Each structure stands twice: as C-alpha cells, then as structure tokens.
Amino acid sequence: MSLKEQVIEDMKTAMRAKDSERLGTIRLLLAAAKQKEVDERVELDDAAMIAIVDKLIKQRKDSVAAYTLANRMDLADKESAEIVVLQAYLPQRLSVEEVSAAVQAIVASLGAKGPGDMGKVMAAVKAQLAGKADMAMVSQAVKAALAG
C-alpha cells in the first residue's frame, strides 16, 4: 500500500471514530497532495508524499515558535498536535551519526574541499537522504564536514 493510500485509509478510520482533530490534519495533508498533483499534473509517489509531510511539519514548527512567542499556547498546542499526526507518515529517521557518515561519504566521493562546494554537496545529499533525515541536521553536518 502506498503512503497516499495509507493516508486515505487513515482518513476513513478517523471519520468513523469521529476524531475531528486527526481528521482535520489528514485532510490538510491530502489537500496539499492533491494541490501538488493538480499543479504538476503528476501522480505522487511515496517520496513526493514524504516531501509534502516534511514541508507541512516545518510549517507547523514555525507556527509553534511564533505562537509561543506571542504567548498563544492554545494555538501552539493545536499545531503541536498536528505535528504528531503528520510525523506518523514519515519513515524512520536516520540518527546524527548515520547522517554524518553519509555526508562524509558524499563529500569524499565528490572531492569537495571547502564551503564553496556546499551547493554541490547539498544537491547530492538531498537526492540521497530526502525523507530519511531532517534537512536542518543534514545542512549542519555538511557545514561541519566542509569546514574541517
């Protein structure tokens, strides 16, 4: 079963269980997926769905930070609950050590020397680790690898 099919099944389950918070979050995810399919005239595969989930989680994290600064804990809690629902659709993430090792291997294979090669390294790393690791952590690992 593809990730998109799993999300649709989870939506049906949430509807039957009358779980309105979970249902709302799943509908947001499906709406984002449908929008991408319509815009690009493609059928989304699992990698594209994971990218959408990543994007939605990042938006929610930014919102939580903004709501916390504004002392709106009710809204921050709602966004945090959505993050929990969305994270269920992500594959198991790589650890910091695994990301660092993968980045070191890519830097070595490309022969990258310093910070000027960051764009080239990030492109290769994104292709290999998309959906498997948090890209903020990946970016830090690349900076560390190129600085040393």
C-alpha atoms as a PDB file:
ATOM      1  CA  MET A   1       0.000   0.000   0.000  1.00  0.00           C
ATOM      2  CA  SER A   2       1.400   3.372  -0.983  1.00  0.00           C
ATOM      3  CA  LEU A   3       1.713   6.189   1.526  1.00  0.00           C
ATOM      4  CA  LYS A   4      -1.090   8.113  -0.175  1.00  0.00           C
ATOM      5  CA  GLU A   5      -3.413   5.094   0.065  1.00  0.00           C
ATOM      6  CA  GLN A   6      -2.462   4.720   3.738  1.00  0.00           C
ATOM      7  CA  VAL A   7      -3.357   8.363   4.387  1.00  0.00           C
ATOM      8  CA  ILE A   8      -6.744   7.890   2.690  1.00  0.00           C
ATOM      9  CA  GLU A   9      -7.438   4.785   4.797  1.00  0.00           C
ATOM     10  CA  ASP A  10      -6.441   6.689   7.948  1.00  0.00           C
ATOM     11  CA  MET A  11      -8.861   9.466   6.956  1.00  0.00           C
ATOM     12  CA  LYS A  12     -11.695   6.948   6.704  1.00  0.00           C
ATOM     13  CA  THR A  13     -10.759   5.488  10.082  1.00  0.00           C
ATOM     14  CA  ALA A  14     -10.680   8.953  11.678  1.00  0.00           C
ATOM     15  CA  MET A  15     -14.088   9.721  10.172  1.00  0.00           C
ATOM     16  CA  ARG A  16     -15.563   6.521  11.607  1.00  0.00           C
ATOM     17  CA  ALA A  17     -14.000   7.231  15.009  1.00  0.00           C
ATOM     18  CA  LYS A  18     -15.225  10.855  14.885  1.00  0.00           C
ATOM     19  CA  ASP A  19     -11.667  12.008  15.694  1.00  0.00           C
ATOM     20  CA  SER A  20     -12.043  15.564  14.393  1.00  0.00           C
ATOM     21  CA  GLU A  21      -8.504  16.781  15.222  1.00  0.00           C
ATOM     22  CA  ARG A  22      -6.832  13.860  13.448  1.00  0.00           C
ATOM     23  CA  LEU A  23      -9.298  14.074  10.563  1.00  0.00           C
ATOM     24  CA  GLY A  24      -8.593  17.784  10.058  1.00  0.00           C
ATOM     25  CA  THR A  25      -4.840  17.213   9.914  1.00  0.00           C
ATOM     26  CA  ILE A  26      -5.179  14.296   7.485  1.00  0.00           C
ATOM     27  CA  ARG A  27      -7.440  16.385   5.264  1.00  0.00           C
ATOM     28  CA  LEU A  28      -4.816  19.163   5.237  1.00  0.00           C
ATOM     29  CA  LEU A  29      -2.226  16.622   4.107  1.00  0.00           C
ATOM     30  CA  LEU A  30      -4.480  15.235   1.368  1.00  0.00           C
ATOM     31  CA  ALA A  31      -5.358  18.749   0.198  1.00  0.00           C
ATOM     32  CA  ALA A  32      -1.663  19.624  -0.099  1.00  0.00           C
ATOM     33  CA  ALA A  33      -1.039  16.381  -2.004  1.00  0.00           C
ATOM     34  CA  LYS A  34      -3.972  17.000  -4.343  1.00  0.00           C
ATOM     35  CA  GLN A  35      -2.799  20.567  -4.963  1.00  0.00           C
ATOM     36  CA  LYS A  36       0.661  19.318  -5.961  1.00  0.00           C
ATOM     37  CA  GLU A  37      -0.867  16.677  -8.247  1.00  0.00           C
ATOM     38  CA  VAL A  38      -3.069  19.258  -9.970  1.00  0.00           C
ATOM     39  CA  ASP A  39      -0.309  21.876 -10.248  1.00  0.00           C
ATOM     40  CA  GLU A  40       2.264  19.488 -11.690  1.00  0.00           C
ATOM     41  CA  ARG A  41      -0.125  17.039 -13.405  1.00  0.00           C
ATOM     42  CA  VAL A  42       1.571  14.036 -11.813  1.00  0.00           C
ATOM     43  CA  GLU A  43       0.621  11.101  -9.611  1.00  0.00           C
ATOM     44  CA  LEU A  44       2.534  11.416  -6.338  1.00  0.00           C
ATOM     45  CA  ASP A  45       4.823   8.611  -5.259  1.00  0.00           C
ATOM     46  CA  ASP A  46       5.900   7.923  -1.679  1.00  0.00           C
ATOM     47  CA  ALA A  47       8.960  10.208  -1.919  1.00  0.00           C
ATOM     48  CA  ALA A  48       6.801  13.147  -3.035  1.00  0.00           C
ATOM     49  CA  MET A  49       4.292  12.463  -0.241  1.00  0.00           C
ATOM     50  CA  ILE A  50       7.120  12.394   2.309  1.00  0.00           C
ATOM     51  CA  ALA A  51       8.374  15.727   0.975  1.00  0.00           C
ATOM     52  CA  ILE A  52       4.893  17.193   1.460  1.00  0.00           C
ATOM     53  CA  VAL A  53       4.698  15.817   5.001  1.00  0.00           C
ATOM     54  CA  ASP A  54       8.154  17.290   5.739  1.00  0.00           C
ATOM     55  CA  LYS A  55       7.041  20.677   4.427  1.00  0.00           C
ATOM     56  CA  LEU A  56       3.845  20.648   6.493  1.00  0.00           C
ATOM     57  CA  ILE A  57       5.771  19.681   9.644  1.00  0.00           C
ATOM     58  CA  LYS A  58       8.250  22.510   9.073  1.00  0.00           C
ATOM     59  CA  GLN A  59       5.352  24.968   8.681  1.00  0.00           C
ATOM     60  CA  ARG A  60       3.807  23.690  11.909  1.00  0.00           C
ATOM     61  CA  LYS A  61       7.108  24.016  13.798  1.00  0.00           C
ATOM     62  CA  ASP A  62       7.477  27.611  12.589  1.00  0.00           C
ATOM     63  CA  SER A  63       3.902  28.317  13.709  1.00  0.00           C
ATOM     64  CA  VAL A  64       4.517  26.791  17.142  1.00  0.00           C
ATOM     65  CA  ALA A  65       7.534  29.065  17.601  1.00  0.00           C
ATOM     66  CA  ALA A  66       5.542  32.138  16.543  1.00  0.00           C
ATOM     67  CA  TYR A  67       2.556  31.258  18.744  1.00  0.00           C
ATOM     68  CA  THR A  68       4.815  30.580  21.711  1.00  0.00           C
ATOM     69  CA  LEU A  69       6.458  33.992  21.300  1.00  0.00           C
ATOM     70  CA  ALA A  70       3.015  35.586  21.124  1.00  0.00           C
ATOM     71  CA  ASN A  71       2.010  33.654  24.268  1.00  0.00           C
ATOM     72  CA  ARG A  72      -0.815  31.849  22.452  1.00  0.00           C
ATOM     73  CA  MET A  73      -0.336  28.397  23.941  1.00  0.00           C
ATOM     74  CA  ASP A  74      -3.780  27.228  22.789  1.00  0.00           C
ATOM     75  CA  LEU A  75      -2.756  27.651  19.147  1.00  0.00           C
ATOM     76  CA  ALA A  76       0.756  26.302  19.775  1.00  0.00           C
ATOM     77  CA  ASP A  77      -0.747  23.157  21.331  1.00  0.00           C
ATOM     78  CA  LYS A  78      -3.040  22.674  18.315  1.00  0.00           C
ATOM     79  CA  GLU A  79      -0.095  22.941  15.907  1.00  0.00           C
ATOM     80  CA  SER A  80       1.953  20.549  18.069  1.00  0.00           C
ATOM     81  CA  ALA A  81      -0.870  18.004  17.927  1.00  0.00           C
ATOM     82  CA  GLU A  82      -0.875  18.297  14.116  1.00  0.00           C
ATOM     83  CA  ILE A  83       2.884  17.664  14.071  1.00  0.00           C
ATOM     84  CA  VAL A  84       2.353  14.407  15.989  1.00  0.00           C
ATOM     85  CA  VAL A  85      -0.261  13.236  13.467  1.00  0.00           C
ATOM     86  CA  LEU A  86       1.941  14.162  10.485  1.00  0.00           C
ATOM     87  CA  GLN A  87       5.070  12.510  11.904  1.00  0.00           C
ATOM     88  CA  ALA A  88       3.306   9.151  11.771  1.00  0.00           C
ATOM     89  CA  TYR A  89       3.647   9.282   7.959  1.00  0.00           C
ATOM     90  CA  LEU A  90       7.409   9.786   7.959  1.00  0.00           C
ATOM     91  CA  PRO A  91       9.783   6.829   7.678  1.00  0.00           C
ATOM     92  CA  GLN A  92      12.234   6.071  10.478  1.00  0.00           C
ATOM     93  CA  ARG A  93      14.738   8.930  10.553  1.00  0.00           C
ATOM     94  CA  LEU A  94      18.496   8.456  10.457  1.00  0.00           C
ATOM     95  CA  SER A  95      20.494   9.220  13.598  1.00  0.00           C
ATOM     96  CA  VAL A  96      23.010  12.064  13.798  1.00  0.00           C
ATOM     97  CA  GLU A  97      25.874   9.567  13.412  1.00  0.00           C
ATOM     98  CA  GLU A  98      24.303   7.957  10.332  1.00  0.00           C
ATOM     99  CA  VAL A  99      23.708  11.354   8.719  1.00  0.00           C
ATOM    100  CA  SER A 100      27.264  12.429   9.471  1.00  0.00           C
ATOM    101  CA  ALA A 101      28.677   9.219   7.977  1.00  0.00           C
ATOM    102  CA  ALA A 102      26.546   9.585   4.838  1.00  0.00           C
ATOM    103  CA  VAL A 103      27.607  13.225   4.430  1.00  0.00           C
ATOM    104  CA  GLN A 104      31.296  12.313   4.891  1.00  0.00           C
ATOM    105  CA  ALA A 105      30.988   9.621   2.216  1.00  0.00           C
ATOM    106  CA  ILE A 106      29.328  12.027  -0.234  1.00  0.00           C
ATOM    107  CA  VAL A 107      31.917  14.755   0.437  1.00  0.00           C
ATOM    108  CA  ALA A 108      34.711  12.225  -0.194  1.00  0.00           C
ATOM    109  CA  SER A 109      33.102  10.889  -3.386  1.00  0.00           C
ATOM    110  CA  LEU A 110      32.627  14.404  -4.790  1.00  0.00           C
ATOM    111  CA  GLY A 111      36.088  15.541  -3.749  1.00  0.00           C
ATOM    112  CA  ALA A 112      34.614  18.639  -2.085  1.00  0.00           C
ATOM    113  CA  LYS A 113      37.198  20.761  -0.312  1.00  0.00           C
ATOM    114  CA  GLY A 114      35.590  23.743   1.395  1.00  0.00           C
ATOM    115  CA  PRO A 115      32.490  25.869   1.969  1.00  0.00           C
ATOM    116  CA  GLY A 116      32.439  26.861  -1.704  1.00  0.00           C
ATOM    117  CA  ASP A 117      31.366  23.315  -2.586  1.00  0.00           C
ATOM    118  CA  MET A 118      28.368  23.364  -0.249  1.00  0.00           C
ATOM    119  CA  GLY A 119      25.774  23.717  -3.042  1.00  0.00           C
ATOM    120  CA  LYS A 120      27.154  20.743  -4.941  1.00  0.00           C
ATOM    121  CA  VAL A 121      27.308  18.610  -1.789  1.00  0.00           C
ATOM    122  CA  MET A 122      23.808  19.626  -0.618  1.00  0.00           C
ATOM    123  CA  ALA A 123      22.322  18.672  -4.003  1.00  0.00           C
ATOM    124  CA  ALA A 124      23.857  15.203  -3.775  1.00  0.00           C
ATOM    125  CA  VAL A 125      22.899  14.801  -0.114  1.00  0.00           C
ATOM    126  CA  LYS A 126      19.296  15.867  -0.746  1.00  0.00           C
ATOM    127  CA  ALA A 127      18.983  13.317  -3.527  1.00  0.00           C
ATOM    128  CA  GLN A 128      20.265  10.537  -1.280  1.00  0.00           C
ATOM    129  CA  LEU A 129      18.752  11.443   2.099  1.00  0.00           C
ATOM    130  CA  ALA A 130      15.428  13.064   1.151  1.00  0.00           C
ATOM    131  CA  GLY A 131      12.757  11.882   3.559  1.00  0.00           C
ATOM    132  CA  LYS A 132      15.257   9.873   5.597  1.00  0.00           C
ATOM    133  CA  ALA A 133      16.717  12.704   7.649  1.00  0.00           C
ATOM    134  CA  ASP A 134      15.882  16.162   8.940  1.00  0.00           C
ATOM    135  CA  MET A 135      17.353  18.558   6.378  1.00  0.00           C
ATOM    136  CA  ALA A 136      18.361  21.106   9.047  1.00  0.00           C
ATOM    137  CA  MET A 137      20.519  18.412  10.667  1.00  0.00           C
ATOM    138  CA  VAL A 138      21.868  17.433   7.232  1.00  0.00           C
ATOM    139  CA  SER A 139      22.811  21.046   6.485  1.00  0.00           C
ATOM    140  CA  GLN A 140      24.723  21.307   9.772  1.00  0.00           C
ATOM    141  CA  ALA A 141      26.535  18.041   9.022  1.00  0.00           C
ATOM    142  CA  VAL A 142      27.532  19.319   5.567  1.00  0.00           C
ATOM    143  CA  LYS A 143      28.828  22.602   7.023  1.00  0.00           C
ATOM    144  CA  ALA A 144      30.839  20.683   9.624  1.00  0.00           C
ATOM    145  CA  ALA A 145      32.267  18.295   7.006  1.00  0.00           C
ATOM    146  CA  LEU A 146      33.325  21.116   4.693  1.00  0.00           C
ATOM    147  CA  ALA A 147      34.770  23.294   7.456  1.00  0.00           C
ATOM    148  CA  GLY A 148      37.080  20.556   8.777  1.00  0.00           C
END
